């Protein structure tokens, strides 16, 4: 194994996280899994993490979906997340995310 190959295995990929404030005022740190398109708009898939920064983080089994929008005129502006409004929208978004995961599995087989 070359030094380049070894370096790829030794260095973990940078994990992008966001902190979400829930309706009850609690804050939850989430790993950003991906941003994807469904129903002609962008959505973000988040994996909630539990534990403090000093602890090993535990993974919550649920993936959270939100509408995702960025200001095309100001790339430095904070992206906006908003709730999915209907069960039908949620189902379409969950199906699109499942298709994304299937594509990843297919690519891993190559």
PDB file of N, CA and C in Angstrom:
ATOM      1  N   UNK A   1       0.852  -1.179   0.000  1.00  0.00           N
ATOM      2  CA  UNK A   1       0.000   0.000   0.000  1.00  0.00           C
ATOM      3  C   UNK A   1       0.892   1.233   0.000  1.00  0.00           C
ATOM      4  N   UNK A   2       0.589   2.156  -0.890  1.00  0.00           N
ATOM      5  CA  UNK A   2       1.408   3.358  -0.985  1.00  0.00           C
ATOM      6  C   UNK A   2       1.088   4.308   0.169  1.00  0.00           C
ATOM      7  N   UNK A   3       1.975   5.293   0.379  1.00  0.00           N
ATOM      8  CA  UNK A   3       1.734   6.291   1.421  1.00  0.00           C
ATOM      9  C   UNK A   3       0.444   7.055   1.158  1.00  0.00           C
ATOM     10  N   UNK A   4       0.133   7.313  -0.120  1.00  0.00           N
ATOM     11  CA  UNK A   4      -1.099   8.031  -0.458  1.00  0.00           C
ATOM     12  C   UNK A   4      -2.310   7.214  -0.052  1.00  0.00           C
ATOM     13  N   UNK A   5      -2.312   5.906  -0.368  1.00  0.00           N
ATOM     14  CA  UNK A   5      -3.425   5.043   0.015  1.00  0.00           C
ATOM     15  C   UNK A   5      -3.561   4.971   1.528  1.00  0.00           C
ATOM     16  N   UNK A   6      -2.440   4.833   2.229  1.00  0.00           N
ATOM     17  CA  UNK A   6      -2.470   4.739   3.687  1.00  0.00           C
ATOM     18  C   UNK A   6      -3.024   6.029   4.285  1.00  0.00           C
ATOM     19  N   UNK A   7      -2.624   7.165   3.722  1.00  0.00           N
ATOM     20  CA  UNK A   7      -3.095   8.451   4.224  1.00  0.00           C
ATOM     21  C   UNK A   7      -4.609   8.559   4.087  1.00  0.00           C
ATOM     22  N   UNK A   8      -5.166   8.046   2.990  1.00  0.00           N
ATOM     23  CA  UNK A   8      -6.612   8.109   2.800  1.00  0.00           C
ATOM     24  C   UNK A   8      -7.338   7.320   3.879  1.00  0.00           C
ATOM     25  N   UNK A   9      -6.757   6.192   4.330  1.00  0.00           N
ATOM     26  CA  UNK A   9      -7.403   5.391   5.361  1.00  0.00           C
ATOM     27  C   UNK A   9      -7.173   5.967   6.755  1.00  0.00           C
ATOM     28  N   UNK A  10      -6.043   6.608   6.981  1.00  0.00           N
ATOM     29  CA  UNK A  10      -5.705   7.110   8.306  1.00  0.00           C
ATOM     30  C   UNK A  10      -6.434   8.398   8.662  1.00  0.00           C
ATOM     31  N   UNK A  11      -6.723   9.230   7.677  1.00  0.00           N
ATOM     32  CA  UNK A  11      -7.339  10.523   7.953  1.00  0.00           C
ATOM     33  C   UNK A  11      -8.843  10.441   7.750  1.00  0.00           C
ATOM     34  N   UNK A  12      -9.622  10.630   8.813  1.00  0.00           N
ATOM     35  CA  UNK A  12     -11.075  10.599   8.646  1.00  0.00           C
ATOM     36  C   UNK A  12     -11.537  11.796   7.826  1.00  0.00           C
ATOM     37  N   UNK A  13     -12.626  11.598   7.086  1.00  0.00           N
ATOM     38  CA  UNK A  13     -13.194  12.713   6.336  1.00  0.00           C
ATOM     39  C   UNK A  13     -13.740  13.737   7.327  1.00  0.00           C
ATOM     40  N   UNK A  14     -13.689  14.990   6.921  1.00  0.00           N
ATOM     41  CA  UNK A  14     -14.208  16.047   7.780  1.00  0.00           C
ATOM     42  C   UNK A  14     -15.721  15.908   7.894  1.00  0.00           C
ATOM     43  N   UNK A  15     -16.207  15.917   9.100  1.00  0.00           N
ATOM     44  CA  UNK A  15     -17.634  15.775   9.368  1.00  0.00           C
ATOM     45  C   UNK A  15     -18.245  17.162   9.468  1.00  0.00           C
ATOM     46  N   UNK A  16     -19.264  17.422   8.656  1.00  0.00           N
ATOM     47  CA  UNK A  16     -19.938  18.705   8.710  1.00  0.00           C
ATOM     48  C   UNK A  16     -21.149  18.550   9.627  1.00  0.00           C
ATOM     49  N   UNK A  17     -21.266  19.455  10.598  1.00  0.00           N
ATOM     50  CA  UNK A  17     -22.383  19.396  11.527  1.00  0.00           C
ATOM     51  C   UNK A  17     -23.096  20.742  11.587  1.00  0.00           C
ATOM     52  N   UNK A  18     -24.350  20.674  11.991  1.00  0.00           N
ATOM     53  CA  UNK A  18     -25.144  21.868  12.256  1.00  0.00           C
ATOM     54  C   UNK A  18     -25.856  21.653  13.581  1.00  0.00           C
ATOM     55  N   UNK A  19     -26.206  22.739  14.234  1.00  0.00           N
ATOM     56  CA  UNK A  19     -26.977  22.661  15.466  1.00  0.00           C
ATOM     57  C   UNK A  19     -28.377  23.163  15.175  1.00  0.00           C
ATOM     58  N   UNK A  20     -29.358  22.324  15.483  1.00  0.00           N
ATOM     59  CA  UNK A  20     -30.767  22.633  15.232  1.00  0.00           C
ATOM     60  C   UNK A  20     -31.431  22.977  16.556  1.00  0.00           C
ATOM     61  N   UNK A  21     -32.178  24.079  16.565  1.00  0.00           N
ATOM     62  CA  UNK A  21     -32.975  24.406  17.750  1.00  0.00           C
ATOM     63  C   UNK A  21     -34.386  23.887  17.517  1.00  0.00           C
ATOM     64  N   UNK A  22     -34.846  23.019  18.422  1.00  0.00           N
ATOM     65  CA  UNK A  22     -36.156  22.406  18.305  1.00  0.00           C
ATOM     66  C   UNK A  22     -37.231  23.313  18.887  1.00  0.00           C
ATOM     67  N   UNK A  23     -38.491  22.957  18.642  1.00  0.00           N
ATOM     68  CA  UNK A  23     -39.611  23.784  19.096  1.00  0.00           C
ATOM     69  C   UNK A  23     -39.614  24.005  20.601  1.00  0.00           C
ATOM     70  N   UNK A  24     -39.118  23.021  21.370  1.00  0.00           N
ATOM     71  CA  UNK A  24     -39.118  23.152  22.833  1.00  0.00           C
ATOM     72  C   UNK A  24     -37.902  23.922  23.354  1.00  0.00           C
ATOM     73  N   UNK A  25     -37.087  24.452  22.432  1.00  0.00           N
ATOM     74  CA  UNK A  25     -35.936  25.254  22.823  1.00  0.00           C
ATOM     75  C   UNK A  25     -34.644  24.473  23.000  1.00  0.00           C
ATOM     76  N   UNK A  26     -34.713  23.148  22.975  1.00  0.00           N
ATOM     77  CA  UNK A  26     -33.486  22.357  23.089  1.00  0.00           C
ATOM     78  C   UNK A  26     -32.716  22.423  21.777  1.00  0.00           C
ATOM     79  N   UNK A  27     -31.419  22.236  21.889  1.00  0.00           N
ATOM     80  CA  UNK A  27     -30.541  22.276  20.721  1.00  0.00           C
ATOM     81  C   UNK A  27     -29.934  20.895  20.524  1.00  0.00           C
ATOM     82  N   UNK A  28     -29.893  20.457  19.266  1.00  0.00           N
ATOM     83  CA  UNK A  28     -29.362  19.152  18.932  1.00  0.00           C
ATOM     84  C   UNK A  28     -28.332  19.293  17.825  1.00  0.00           C
ATOM     85  N   UNK A  29     -27.157  18.727  18.040  1.00  0.00           N
ATOM     86  CA  UNK A  29     -26.128  18.717  17.011  1.00  0.00           C
ATOM     87  C   UNK A  29     -26.432  17.578  16.040  1.00  0.00           C
ATOM     88  N   UNK A  30     -26.319  17.875  14.749  1.00  0.00           N
ATOM     89  CA  UNK A  30     -26.615  16.889  13.714  1.00  0.00           C
ATOM     90  C   UNK A  30     -25.493  16.861  12.682  1.00  0.00           C
ATOM     91  N   UNK A  31     -25.192  15.676  12.204  1.00  0.00           N
ATOM     92  CA  UNK A  31     -24.261  15.524  11.091  1.00  0.00           C
ATOM     93  C   UNK A  31     -25.026  15.734   9.796  1.00  0.00           C
ATOM     94  N   UNK A  32     -24.448  16.501   8.877  1.00  0.00           N
ATOM     95  CA  UNK A  32     -25.052  16.699   7.567  1.00  0.00           C
ATOM     96  C   UNK A  32     -24.698  15.480   6.723  1.00  0.00           C
ATOM     97  N   UNK A  33     -25.724  14.722   6.322  1.00  0.00           N
ATOM     98  CA  UNK A  33     -25.505  13.554   5.488  1.00  0.00           C
ATOM     99  C   UNK A  33     -25.397  13.945   4.021  1.00  0.00           C
ATOM    100  N   UNK A  34     -26.337  14.744   3.554  1.00  0.00           N
ATOM    101  CA  UNK A  34     -26.320  15.200   2.167  1.00  0.00           C
ATOM    102  C   UNK A  34     -27.375  16.270   1.952  1.00  0.00           C
ATOM    103  N   UNK A  35     -27.209  16.985   0.869  1.00  0.00           N
ATOM    104  CA  UNK A  35     -28.225  17.904   0.371  1.00  0.00           C
ATOM    105  C   UNK A  35     -28.636  17.333  -0.975  1.00  0.00           C
ATOM    106  N   UNK A  36     -29.933  17.188  -1.200  1.00  0.00           N
ATOM    107  CA  UNK A  36     -30.418  16.527  -2.409  1.00  0.00           C
ATOM    108  C   UNK A  36     -31.684  17.200  -2.908  1.00  0.00           C
ATOM    109  N   UNK A  37     -32.069  16.874  -4.135  1.00  0.00           N
ATOM    110  CA  UNK A  37     -33.252  17.484  -4.728  1.00  0.00           C
ATOM    111  C   UNK A  37     -34.408  16.497  -4.740  1.00  0.00           C
ATOM    112  N   UNK A  38     -35.586  17.021  -4.471  1.00  0.00           N
ATOM    113  CA  UNK A  38     -36.835  16.268  -4.583  1.00  0.00           C
ATOM    114  C   UNK A  38     -37.946  17.285  -4.820  1.00  0.00           C
ATOM    115  N   UNK A  39     -38.916  16.906  -5.601  1.00  0.00           N
ATOM    116  CA  UNK A  39     -40.070  17.773  -5.856  1.00  0.00           C
ATOM    117  C   UNK A  39     -39.664  19.159  -6.361  1.00  0.00           C
ATOM    118  N   UNK A  40     -38.530  19.235  -7.062  1.00  0.00           N
ATOM    119  CA  UNK A  40     -38.088  20.502  -7.638  1.00  0.00           C
ATOM    120  C   UNK A  40     -37.472  21.487  -6.666  1.00  0.00           C
ATOM    121  N   UNK A  41     -37.143  21.035  -5.449  1.00  0.00           N
ATOM    122  CA  UNK A  41     -36.479  21.921  -4.476  1.00  0.00           C
ATOM    123  C   UNK A  41     -35.409  21.140  -3.739  1.00  0.00           C
ATOM    124  N   UNK A  42     -34.579  21.848  -2.985  1.00  0.00           N
ATOM    125  CA  UNK A  42     -33.489  21.216  -2.239  1.00  0.00           C
ATOM    126  C   UNK A  42     -33.927  20.852  -0.831  1.00  0.00           C
ATOM    127  N   UNK A  43     -33.404  19.730  -0.364  1.00  0.00           N
ATOM    128  CA  UNK A  43     -33.635  19.247   0.997  1.00  0.00           C
ATOM    129  C   UNK A  43     -32.303  18.849   1.601  1.00  0.00           C
ATOM    130  N   UNK A  44     -32.265  18.799   2.918  1.00  0.00           N
ATOM    131  CA  UNK A  44     -31.065  18.383   3.628  1.00  0.00           C
ATOM    132  C   UNK A  44     -31.432  17.200   4.524  1.00  0.00           C
ATOM    133  N   UNK A  45     -30.544  16.213   4.570  1.00  0.00           N
ATOM    134  CA  UNK A  45     -30.720  15.054   5.443  1.00  0.00           C
ATOM    135  C   UNK A  45     -29.727  15.186   6.586  1.00  0.00           C
ATOM    136  N   UNK A  46     -30.235  15.145   7.817  1.00  0.00           N
ATOM    137  CA  UNK A  46     -29.418  15.324   9.013  1.00  0.00           C
ATOM    138  C   UNK A  46     -29.520  14.094   9.897  1.00  0.00           C
ATOM    139  N   UNK A  47     -28.401  13.727  10.498  1.00  0.00           N
ATOM    140  CA  UNK A  47     -28.361  12.617  11.439  1.00  0.00           C
ATOM    141  C   UNK A  47     -28.089  13.187  12.823  1.00  0.00           C
ATOM    142  N   UNK A  48     -29.092  13.163  13.720  1.00  0.00           N
ATOM    143  CA  UNK A  48     -28.897  13.712  15.066  1.00  0.00           C
ATOM    144  C   UNK A  48     -27.817  12.938  15.827  1.00  0.00           C
ATOM    145  N   UNK A  49     -26.967  13.683  16.514  1.00  0.00           N
ATOM    146  CA  UNK A  49     -25.904  13.102  17.344  1.00  0.00           C
ATOM    147  C   UNK A  49     -26.214  13.431  18.791  1.00  0.00           C
ATOM    148  N   UNK A  50     -25.931  12.512  19.695  1.00  0.00           N
ATOM    149  CA  UNK A  50     -26.132  12.781  21.111  1.00  0.00           C
ATOM    150  C   UNK A  50     -24.797  12.703  21.805  1.00  0.00           C
ATOM    151  N   UNK A  51     -24.728  13.259  23.013  1.00  0.00           N
ATOM    152  CA  UNK A  51     -23.483  13.240  23.787  1.00  0.00           C
ATOM    153  C   UNK A  51     -22.829  14.600  23.773  1.00  0.00           C
ATOM    154  N   UNK A  52     -21.927  14.798  24.704  1.00  0.00           N
ATOM    155  CA  UNK A  52     -21.219  16.075  24.768  1.00  0.00           C
ATOM    156  C   UNK A  52     -20.004  16.020  23.862  1.00  0.00           C
ATOM    157  N   UNK A  53     -19.403  17.154  23.640  1.00  0.00           N
ATOM    158  CA  UNK A  53     -18.245  17.233  22.747  1.00  0.00           C
ATOM    159  C   UNK A  53     -17.092  16.374  23.246  1.00  0.00           C
ATOM    160  N   UNK A  54     -16.984  16.168  24.552  1.00  0.00           N
ATOM    161  CA  UNK A  54     -15.878  15.383  25.085  1.00  0.00           C
ATOM    162  C   UNK A  54     -16.163  13.882  25.035  1.00  0.00           C
ATOM    163  N   UNK A  55     -17.436  13.516  24.898  1.00  0.00           N
ATOM    164  CA  UNK A  55     -17.804  12.106  24.826  1.00  0.00           C
ATOM    165  C   UNK A  55     -17.761  11.631  23.388  1.00  0.00           C
ATOM    166  N   UNK A  56     -17.685  10.303  23.221  1.00  0.00           N
ATOM    167  CA  UNK A  56     -17.917   9.755  21.896  1.00  0.00           C
ATOM    168  C   UNK A  56     -19.391   9.987  21.601  1.00  0.00           C
ATOM    169  N   UNK A  57     -19.679  10.479  20.420  1.00  0.00           N
ATOM    170  CA  UNK A  57     -21.063  10.778  20.080  1.00  0.00           C
ATOM    171  C   UNK A  57     -21.790   9.487  19.734  1.00  0.00           C
ATOM    172  N   UNK A  58     -23.013   9.393  20.197  1.00  0.00           N
ATOM    173  CA  UNK A  58     -23.856   8.259  19.858  1.00  0.00           C
ATOM    174  C   UNK A  58     -24.795   8.706  18.746  1.00  0.00           C
ATOM    175  N   UNK A  59     -25.196   7.767  17.913  1.00  0.00           N
ATOM    176  CA  UNK A  59     -26.054   8.093  16.781  1.00  0.00           C
ATOM    177  C   UNK A  59     -27.498   7.775  17.112  1.00  0.00           C
ATOM    178  N   UNK A  60     -28.370   8.736  16.868  1.00  0.00           N
ATOM    179  CA  UNK A  60     -29.810   8.525  16.948  1.00  0.00           C
ATOM    180  C   UNK A  60     -30.206   7.843  15.642  1.00  0.00           C
ATOM    181  N   UNK A  61     -31.120   6.889  15.679  1.00  0.00           N
ATOM    182  CA  UNK A  61     -31.448   6.081  14.502  1.00  0.00           C
ATOM    183  C   UNK A  61     -32.212   6.842  13.428  1.00  0.00           C
ATOM    184  N   UNK A  62     -32.826   7.962  13.753  1.00  0.00           N
ATOM    185  CA  UNK A  62     -33.656   8.676  12.793  1.00  0.00           C
ATOM    186  C   UNK A  62     -32.842   9.673  11.980  1.00  0.00           C
ATOM    187  N   UNK A  63     -33.195   9.771  10.693  1.00  0.00           N
ATOM    188  CA  UNK A  63     -32.659  10.820   9.831  1.00  0.00           C
ATOM    189  C   UNK A  63     -33.734  11.902   9.754  1.00  0.00           C
ATOM    190  N   UNK A  64     -33.323  13.151   9.931  1.00  0.00           N
ATOM    191  CA  UNK A  64     -34.253  14.272   9.879  1.00  0.00           C
ATOM    192  C   UNK A  64     -34.113  14.958   8.529  1.00  0.00           C
ATOM    193  N   UNK A  65     -35.249  15.337   7.947  1.00  0.00           N
ATOM    194  CA  UNK A  65     -35.266  16.039   6.672  1.00  0.00           C
ATOM    195  C   UNK A  65     -35.828  17.438   6.863  1.00  0.00           C
ATOM    196  N   UNK A  66     -35.206  18.401   6.186  1.00  0.00           N
ATOM    197  CA  UNK A  66     -35.675  19.784   6.182  1.00  0.00           C
ATOM    198  C   UNK A  66     -35.561  20.324   4.766  1.00  0.00           C
ATOM    199  N   UNK A  67     -36.412  21.291   4.446  1.00  0.00           N
ATOM    200  CA  UNK A  67     -36.210  22.055   3.221  1.00  0.00           C
ATOM    201  C   UNK A  67     -34.928  22.849   3.411  1.00  0.00           C
ATOM    202  N   UNK A  68     -34.178  23.038   2.334  1.00  0.00           N
ATOM    203  CA  UNK A  68     -32.882  23.713   2.395  1.00  0.00           C
ATOM    204  C   UNK A  68     -32.851  24.770   1.305  1.00  0.00           C
ATOM    205  N   UNK A  69     -32.498  25.990   1.683  1.00  0.00           N
ATOM    206  CA  UNK A  69     -32.355  27.036   0.663  1.00  0.00           C
ATOM    207  C   UNK A  69     -31.180  27.941   1.005  1.00  0.00           C
ATOM    208  N   UNK A  70     -30.511  28.357  -0.062  1.00  0.00           N
ATOM    209  CA  UNK A  70     -29.384  29.281   0.053  1.00  0.00           C
ATOM    210  C   UNK A  70     -29.701  30.521  -0.770  1.00  0.00           C
ATOM    211  N   UNK A  71     -29.110  31.635  -0.388  1.00  0.00           N
ATOM    212  CA  UNK A  71     -29.262  32.869  -1.141  1.00  0.00           C
ATOM    213  C   UNK A  71     -28.244  32.846  -2.283  1.00  0.00           C
ATOM    214  N   UNK A  72     -28.704  32.728  -3.534  1.00  0.00           N
ATOM    215  CA  UNK A  72     -27.753  32.664  -4.651  1.00  0.00           C
ATOM    216  C   UNK A  72     -26.961  33.958  -4.837  1.00  0.00           C
ATOM    217  N   UNK A  73     -27.481  35.063  -4.312  1.00  0.00           N
ATOM    218  CA  UNK A  73     -26.796  36.351  -4.443  1.00  0.00           C
ATOM    219  C   UNK A  73     -25.737  36.567  -3.376  1.00  0.00           C
ATOM    220  N   UNK A  74     -25.783  35.788  -2.288  1.00  0.00           N
ATOM    221  CA  UNK A  74     -24.820  35.941  -1.196  1.00  0.00           C
ATOM    222  C   UNK A  74     -24.434  34.565  -0.657  1.00  0.00           C
ATOM    223  N   UNK A  75     -23.395  33.945  -1.220  1.00  0.00           N
ATOM    224  CA  UNK A  75     -22.997  32.606  -0.777  1.00  0.00           C
ATOM    225  C   UNK A  75     -22.509  32.555   0.667  1.00  0.00           C
ATOM    226  N   UNK A  76     -22.201  33.707   1.262  1.00  0.00           N
ATOM    227  CA  UNK A  76     -21.747  33.736   2.648  1.00  0.00           C
ATOM    228  C   UNK A  76     -22.899  33.773   3.646  1.00  0.00           C
ATOM    229  N   UNK A  77     -24.114  34.015   3.144  1.00  0.00           N
ATOM    230  CA  UNK A  77     -25.277  34.060   4.020  1.00  0.00           C
ATOM    231  C   UNK A  77     -25.591  32.660   4.535  1.00  0.00           C
ATOM    232  N   UNK A  78     -26.029  32.591   5.768  1.00  0.00           N
ATOM    233  CA  UNK A  78     -26.391  31.325   6.406  1.00  0.00           C
ATOM    234  C   UNK A  78     -27.545  30.663   5.631  1.00  0.00           C
ATOM    235  N   UNK A  79     -27.426  29.375   5.264  1.00  0.00           N
ATOM    236  CA  UNK A  79     -28.544  28.692   4.604  1.00  0.00           C
ATOM    237  C   UNK A  79     -29.758  28.638   5.527  1.00  0.00           C
ATOM    238  N   UNK A  80     -30.936  28.543   4.930  1.00  0.00           N
ATOM    239  CA  UNK A  80     -32.173  28.487   5.699  1.00  0.00           C
ATOM    240  C   UNK A  80     -32.744  27.078   5.650  1.00  0.00           C
ATOM    241  N   UNK A  81     -33.137  26.571   6.813  1.00  0.00           N
ATOM    242  CA  UNK A  81     -33.815  25.286   6.913  1.00  0.00           C
ATOM    243  C   UNK A  81     -35.248  25.551   7.326  1.00  0.00           C
ATOM    244  N   UNK A  82     -36.188  24.852   6.687  1.00  0.00           N
ATOM    245  CA  UNK A  82     -37.588  24.995   7.071  1.00  0.00           C
ATOM    246  C   UNK A  82     -38.246  23.623   7.097  1.00  0.00           C
ATOM    247  N   UNK A  83     -39.324  23.542   7.837  1.00  0.00           N
ATOM    248  CA  UNK A  83     -40.012  22.275   8.031  1.00  0.00           C
ATOM    249  C   UNK A  83     -40.707  21.801   6.763  1.00  0.00           C
ATOM    250  N   UNK A  84     -40.812  20.502   6.635  1.00  0.00           N
ATOM    251  CA  UNK A  84     -41.614  19.874   5.591  1.00  0.00           C
ATOM    252  C   UNK A  84     -43.059  19.966   6.058  1.00  0.00           C
ATOM    253  N   UNK A  85     -43.949  20.399   5.177  1.00  0.00           N
ATOM    254  CA  UNK A  85     -45.286  20.780   5.601  1.00  0.00           C
ATOM    255  C   UNK A  85     -46.339  19.683   5.568  1.00  0.00           C
ATOM    256  N   UNK A  86     -46.203  18.677   4.694  1.00  0.00           N
ATOM    257  CA  UNK A  86     -47.248  17.657   4.581  1.00  0.00           C
ATOM    258  C   UNK A  86     -46.657  16.258   4.614  1.00  0.00           C
ATOM    259  N   UNK A  87     -47.505  15.295   4.916  1.00  0.00           N
ATOM    260  CA  UNK A  87     -47.075  13.896   4.888  1.00  0.00           C
ATOM    261  C   UNK A  87     -46.666  13.481   3.482  1.00  0.00           C
ATOM    262  N   UNK A  88     -47.374  13.984   2.471  1.00  0.00           N
ATOM    263  CA  UNK A  88     -47.054  13.650   1.083  1.00  0.00           C
ATOM    264  C   UNK A  88     -45.676  14.164   0.706  1.00  0.00           C
ATOM    265  N   UNK A  89     -45.367  15.384   1.109  1.00  0.00           N
ATOM    266  CA  UNK A  89     -44.048  15.951   0.835  1.00  0.00           C
ATOM    267  C   UNK A  89     -42.979  15.121   1.549  1.00  0.00           C
ATOM    268  N   UNK A  90     -43.227  14.771   2.812  1.00  0.00           N
ATOM    269  CA  UNK A  90     -42.265  13.974   3.569  1.00  0.00           C
ATOM    270  C   UNK A  90     -42.013  12.635   2.879  1.00  0.00           C
ATOM    271  N   UNK A  91     -43.067  11.965   2.440  1.00  0.00           N
ATOM    272  CA  UNK A  91     -42.915  10.664   1.767  1.00  0.00           C
ATOM    273  C   UNK A  91     -42.087  10.780   0.498  1.00  0.00           C
ATOM    274  N   UNK A  92     -42.331  11.826  -0.290  1.00  0.00           N
ATOM    275  CA  UNK A  92     -41.562  12.038  -1.517  1.00  0.00           C
ATOM    276  C   UNK A  92     -40.089  12.302  -1.203  1.00  0.00           C
ATOM    277  N   UNK A  93     -39.829  13.074  -0.158  1.00  0.00           N
ATOM    278  CA  UNK A  93     -38.455  13.378   0.245  1.00  0.00           C
ATOM    279  C   UNK A  93     -37.763  12.114   0.762  1.00  0.00           C
ATOM    280  N   UNK A  94     -38.454  11.344   1.586  1.00  0.00           N
ATOM    281  CA  UNK A  94     -37.882  10.093   2.109  1.00  0.00           C
ATOM    282  C   UNK A  94     -37.585   9.130   0.970  1.00  0.00           C
ATOM    283  N   UNK A  95     -38.475   9.045  -0.020  1.00  0.00           N
ATOM    284  CA  UNK A  95     -38.240   8.174  -1.183  1.00  0.00           C
ATOM    285  C   UNK A  95     -37.018   8.638  -1.971  1.00  0.00           C
ATOM    286  N   UNK A  96     -36.880   9.950  -2.170  1.00  0.00           N
ATOM    287  CA  UNK A  96     -35.718  10.484  -2.892  1.00  0.00           C
ATOM    288  C   UNK A  96     -34.433  10.191  -2.129  1.00  0.00           C
ATOM    289  N   UNK A  97     -34.461  10.288  -0.805  1.00  0.00           N
ATOM    290  CA  UNK A  97     -33.287   9.981   0.003  1.00  0.00           C
ATOM    291  C   UNK A  97     -32.938   8.496  -0.098  1.00  0.00           C
ATOM    292  N   UNK A  98     -33.956   7.634  -0.078  1.00  0.00           N
ATOM    293  CA  UNK A  98     -33.717   6.190  -0.246  1.00  0.00           C
ATOM    294  C   UNK A  98     -33.068   5.898  -1.599  1.00  0.00           C
ATOM    295  N   UNK A  99     -33.518   6.582  -2.648  1.00  0.00           N
ATOM    296  CA  UNK A  99     -32.911   6.416  -3.969  1.00  0.00           C
ATOM    297  C   UNK A  99     -31.447   6.854  -3.948  1.00  0.00           C
ATOM    298  N   UNK A 100     -31.167   7.957  -3.252  1.00  0.00           N
ATOM    299  CA  UNK A 100     -29.783   8.425  -3.099  1.00  0.00           C
ATOM    300  C   UNK A 100     -28.931   7.351  -2.424  1.00  0.00           C
ATOM    301  N   UNK A 101     -29.456   6.741  -1.357  1.00  0.00           N
ATOM    302  CA  UNK A 101     -28.714   5.690  -0.655  1.00  0.00           C
ATOM    303  C   UNK A 101     -28.499   4.479  -1.554  1.00  0.00           C
ATOM    304  N   UNK A 102     -29.505   4.131  -2.344  1.00  0.00           N
ATOM    305  CA  UNK A 102     -29.366   3.019  -3.285  1.00  0.00           C
ATOM    306  C   UNK A 102     -28.268   3.292  -4.303  1.00  0.00           C
ATOM    307  N   UNK A 103     -28.196   4.545  -4.787  1.00  0.00           N
ATOM    308  CA  UNK A 103     -27.140   4.919  -5.729  1.00  0.00           C
ATOM    309  C   UNK A 103     -25.767   4.777  -5.087  1.00  0.00           C
ATOM    310  N   UNK A 104     -25.637   5.156  -3.814  1.00  0.00           N
ATOM    311  CA  UNK A 104     -24.358   5.004  -3.115  1.00  0.00           C
ATOM    312  C   UNK A 104     -23.972   3.540  -3.017  1.00  0.00           C
ATOM    313  N   UNK A 105     -24.935   2.694  -2.672  1.00  0.00           N
ATOM    314  CA  UNK A 105     -24.662   1.260  -2.592  1.00  0.00           C
ATOM    315  C   UNK A 105     -24.219   0.719  -3.934  1.00  0.00           C
ATOM    316  N   UNK A 106     -24.864   1.159  -5.009  1.00  0.00           N
ATOM    317  CA  UNK A 106     -24.523   0.697  -6.343  1.00  0.00           C
ATOM    318  C   UNK A 106     -23.109   1.147  -6.713  1.00  0.00           C
ATOM    319  N   UNK A 107     -22.751   2.381  -6.386  1.00  0.00           N
ATOM    320  CA  UNK A 107     -21.410   2.894  -6.672  1.00  0.00           C
ATOM    321  C   UNK A 107     -20.356   2.140  -5.878  1.00  0.00           C
ATOM    322  N   UNK A 108     -20.672   1.719  -4.654  1.00  0.00           N
ATOM    323  CA  UNK A 108     -19.712   0.972  -3.836  1.00  0.00           C
ATOM    324  C   UNK A 108     -19.426  -0.402  -4.425  1.00  0.00           C
ATOM    325  N   UNK A 109     -20.353  -0.933  -5.232  1.00  0.00           N
ATOM    326  CA  UNK A 109     -20.158  -2.233  -5.836  1.00  0.00           C
ATOM    327  C   UNK A 109     -19.171  -2.187  -6.982  1.00  0.00           C
ATOM    328  N   UNK A 110     -18.965  -1.004  -7.581  1.00  0.00           N
ATOM    329  CA  UNK A 110     -18.035  -0.867  -8.718  1.00  0.00           C
ATOM    330  C   UNK A 110     -16.613  -1.029  -8.295  1.00  0.00           C
TER     331      UNK A 110
END
